[in-house]
Amino acid sequence: MLEELLVSPSVRTFVNYLLRPEIGLAVLLPGLISLGILGFYARNGKVSSRLQLLWVLALPVCYYCARWELTAEGSQLYLYSAFSVACLLLLFNRISVPPALAYSLTFLSLWWVDVTHALCRALECDAPLAQFYVGVGGAGFRDALFLLPLLTAAAVTYGTMRIGARGERLAEL
């Protein structure tokens, strides 16, 4: 039974997807880094219930603001990172979010929305469900899954440094 599963076309498609270099760069590496960062902060008790609530509330905003663009070459999903905006609004209100945690939670929110939209698109278009994930992270360096978490962490770092340079203190969330 296991042997039949391993040689099935669905498993072969999934393995081929994971072996693509752009997927390793835009999905696997940031995903593993994000899970490691989140595990570190969670284990040390640094992920407050308010931050968790903020992340959960940002997910539907991100989901409903995402849009598909259909062209002759194919379809593209454009994402809006609501959690990135929330991190910057917290910083504006002098509430600290660690840059690594902002990176991690931004990636995980975008990944969740990307995968969910890909599944919904496959269901709407009667595409094979065994391959719904194939477009997730497919743009490599130019993919929102790769860029937006980095930009969020950079913006949070820059804002924290600027606020610190002015002698102001940030509150913990």
Protein backbone atom coordinates (compact mmCIF):
# COMPACT_ATOMS: atom_id res chain seq x y z
CA MET A 1 0.00 0.00 0.00
CA LEU A 2 2.78 2.43 0.89
CA GLU A 3 4.59 1.49 -2.30
CA GLU A 4 1.51 2.30 -4.37
CA LEU A 5 1.22 5.65 -2.66
CA LEU A 6 4.86 6.54 -3.28
CA VAL A 7 4.65 5.85 -7.02
CA SER A 8 1.34 7.62 -7.53
CA PRO A 9 1.28 10.62 -9.89
CA SER A 10 0.13 12.91 -7.07
CA VAL A 11 3.14 12.13 -4.92
CA ARG A 12 5.48 12.49 -7.90
CA THR A 13 3.97 15.90 -8.68
CA PHE A 14 4.39 16.99 -5.07
CA VAL A 15 8.02 15.85 -4.93
CA ASN A 16 8.77 17.58 -8.25
CA TYR A 17 7.14 20.74 -6.88
CA LEU A 18 9.29 20.65 -3.73
CA LEU A 19 12.47 20.08 -5.73
CA ARG A 20 12.03 23.20 -7.88
CA PRO A 21 14.70 25.79 -6.88
CA GLU A 22 12.23 28.69 -6.67
CA ILE A 23 10.05 26.69 -4.27
CA GLY A 24 13.01 25.93 -2.04
CA LEU A 25 13.84 29.63 -1.96
CA ALA A 26 10.34 31.11 -1.63
CA VAL A 27 8.51 28.45 0.39
CA LEU A 28 10.65 25.81 2.07
CA LEU A 29 13.54 27.89 3.43
CA PRO A 30 11.41 30.80 4.73
CA GLY A 31 8.85 28.31 6.05
CA LEU A 32 11.41 26.38 8.06
CA ILE A 33 12.99 29.61 9.32
CA SER A 34 9.56 30.97 10.29
CA LEU A 35 8.58 27.83 12.14
CA GLY A 36 11.92 27.85 13.96
CA ILE A 37 11.54 31.50 14.96
CA LEU A 38 7.96 31.01 16.07
CA GLY A 39 8.92 27.90 18.06
CA PHE A 40 11.75 29.78 19.77
CA TYR A 41 9.54 32.71 20.76
CA ALA A 42 6.64 30.45 21.79
CA ARG A 43 8.90 28.29 23.92
CA ASN A 44 10.22 31.38 25.69
CA GLY A 45 6.69 32.71 26.25
CA LYS A 46 7.22 35.75 24.01
CA VAL A 47 4.13 35.26 21.81
CA SER A 48 1.42 37.02 23.78
CA SER A 49 -2.26 36.23 23.45
CA ARG A 50 -2.83 39.76 22.11
CA LEU A 51 -0.28 39.20 19.33
CA GLN A 52 -1.91 35.87 18.51
CA LEU A 53 -5.31 37.55 18.37
CA LEU A 54 -3.93 40.28 16.12
CA TRP A 55 -2.46 37.63 13.78
CA VAL A 56 -5.74 35.71 13.65
CA LEU A 57 -7.70 38.91 12.94
CA ALA A 58 -5.26 39.88 10.17
CA LEU A 59 -5.78 36.56 8.34
CA PRO A 60 -9.31 37.23 7.04
CA VAL A 61 -8.34 40.76 6.02
CA CYS A 62 -5.41 39.37 4.06
CA TYR A 63 -7.60 36.65 2.55
CA TYR A 64 -10.39 38.96 1.40
CA CYS A 65 -8.01 41.61 0.06
CA ALA A 66 -6.12 39.10 -2.10
CA ARG A 67 -7.10 39.09 -5.76
CA TRP A 68 -6.50 36.92 -8.79
CA GLU A 69 -5.33 38.41 -12.05
CA LEU A 70 -6.06 36.25 -15.07
CA THR A 71 -3.98 36.81 -18.19
CA ALA A 72 -3.21 34.87 -21.34
CA GLU A 73 0.03 33.61 -19.74
CA GLY A 74 -1.75 32.29 -16.66
CA SER A 75 -3.11 33.46 -13.36
CA GLN A 76 -1.40 35.34 -10.54
CA LEU A 77 -2.48 35.93 -6.98
CA TYR A 78 -1.79 39.37 -5.51
CA LEU A 79 -1.63 39.44 -1.73
CA TYR A 80 -2.13 42.22 0.79
CA SER A 81 -0.19 41.70 4.01
CA ALA A 82 -2.53 42.87 6.74
CA PHE A 83 -0.19 41.62 9.45
CA SER A 84 2.64 43.78 8.08
CA VAL A 85 0.43 46.83 8.34
CA ALA A 86 -0.61 45.80 11.87
CA CYS A 87 3.07 45.48 12.91
CA LEU A 88 3.82 48.97 11.64
CA LEU A 89 0.73 50.42 13.32
CA LEU A 90 1.82 48.84 16.60
CA LEU A 91 5.25 50.38 16.17
CA PHE A 92 3.68 53.76 15.38
CA ASN A 93 1.84 53.46 18.71
CA ARG A 94 5.18 52.64 20.42
CA ILE A 95 4.41 48.97 20.95
CA SER A 96 7.28 46.60 20.24
CA VAL A 97 7.12 43.59 17.94
CA PRO A 98 10.42 41.73 17.53
CA PRO A 99 11.53 41.86 13.86
CA ALA A 100 12.14 38.10 13.72
CA LEU A 101 8.66 37.40 15.03
CA ALA A 102 7.19 39.93 12.58
CA TYR A 103 9.01 38.06 9.77
CA SER A 104 7.75 34.69 10.96
CA LEU A 105 4.12 35.62 11.45
CA THR A 106 4.02 37.62 8.20
CA PHE A 107 5.35 34.64 6.25
CA LEU A 108 2.94 32.21 7.90
CA SER A 109 -0.07 34.47 7.27
CA LEU A 110 0.85 34.97 3.61
CA TRP A 111 1.55 31.26 3.14
CA TRP A 112 -1.78 30.34 4.71
CA VAL A 113 -3.68 32.78 2.47
CA ASP A 114 -1.73 31.71 -0.64
CA VAL A 115 -2.44 28.01 -0.07
CA THR A 116 -6.08 28.64 0.81
CA HIS A 117 -6.64 30.76 -2.29
CA ALA A 118 -4.92 28.13 -4.44
CA LEU A 119 -7.22 25.44 -3.04
CA CYS A 120 -10.34 27.58 -3.54
CA ARG A 121 -9.26 28.38 -7.10
CA ALA A 122 -8.77 24.69 -7.83
CA LEU A 123 -12.22 23.93 -6.45
CA GLU A 124 -13.86 26.73 -8.45
CA CYS A 125 -12.15 25.76 -11.71
CA ASP A 126 -12.51 22.00 -11.33
CA ALA A 127 -8.73 21.63 -11.45
CA PRO A 128 -7.14 18.46 -10.07
CA LEU A 129 -6.99 18.81 -6.29
CA ALA A 130 -3.85 16.71 -6.18
CA GLN A 131 -1.97 19.64 -7.73
CA PHE A 132 -3.66 22.75 -6.29
CA TYR A 133 -0.46 23.93 -4.55
CA VAL A 134 1.74 24.03 -7.67
CA GLY A 135 1.63 27.83 -8.05
CA VAL A 136 2.33 28.66 -4.39
CA GLY A 137 5.67 30.46 -4.21
CA GLY A 138 6.36 29.92 -7.88
CA ALA A 139 7.88 33.36 -8.52
CA GLY A 140 10.93 32.66 -6.36
CA PHE A 141 12.76 35.88 -5.40
CA ARG A 142 9.89 37.97 -6.78
CA ASP A 143 7.18 36.15 -4.84
CA ALA A 144 5.31 37.90 -2.04
CA LEU A 145 6.02 34.91 0.19
CA PHE A 146 9.71 35.75 -0.05
CA LEU A 147 9.69 39.56 -0.20
CA LEU A 148 6.95 40.79 2.14
CA PRO A 149 8.22 39.10 5.33
CA LEU A 150 11.71 40.48 4.67
CA LEU A 151 10.35 43.97 4.03
CA THR A 152 8.20 43.77 7.18
CA ALA A 153 11.16 42.74 9.34
CA ALA A 154 13.31 45.48 7.77
CA ALA A 155 10.63 48.14 8.34
CA VAL A 156 10.11 47.05 11.96
CA THR A 157 13.88 47.06 12.57
CA TYR A 158 14.27 50.51 11.02
CA GLY A 159 11.32 51.93 12.95
CA THR A 160 12.55 50.46 16.23
CA MET A 161 16.01 51.92 15.67
CA ARG A 162 14.62 55.36 14.80
CA ILE A 163 12.37 55.41 17.86
CA GLY A 164 15.26 54.23 20.05
CA ALA A 165 17.52 56.95 18.61
CA ARG A 166 15.02 59.56 19.75
CA GLY A 167 15.26 58.20 23.28
CA GLU A 168 11.72 56.82 23.38
CA ARG A 169 10.90 53.44 24.86
CA LEU A 170 8.64 50.83 23.33
CA ALA A 171 6.02 48.93 25.32
CA GLU A 172 5.81 45.15 25.10
CA LEU A 173 2.79 43.60 23.44
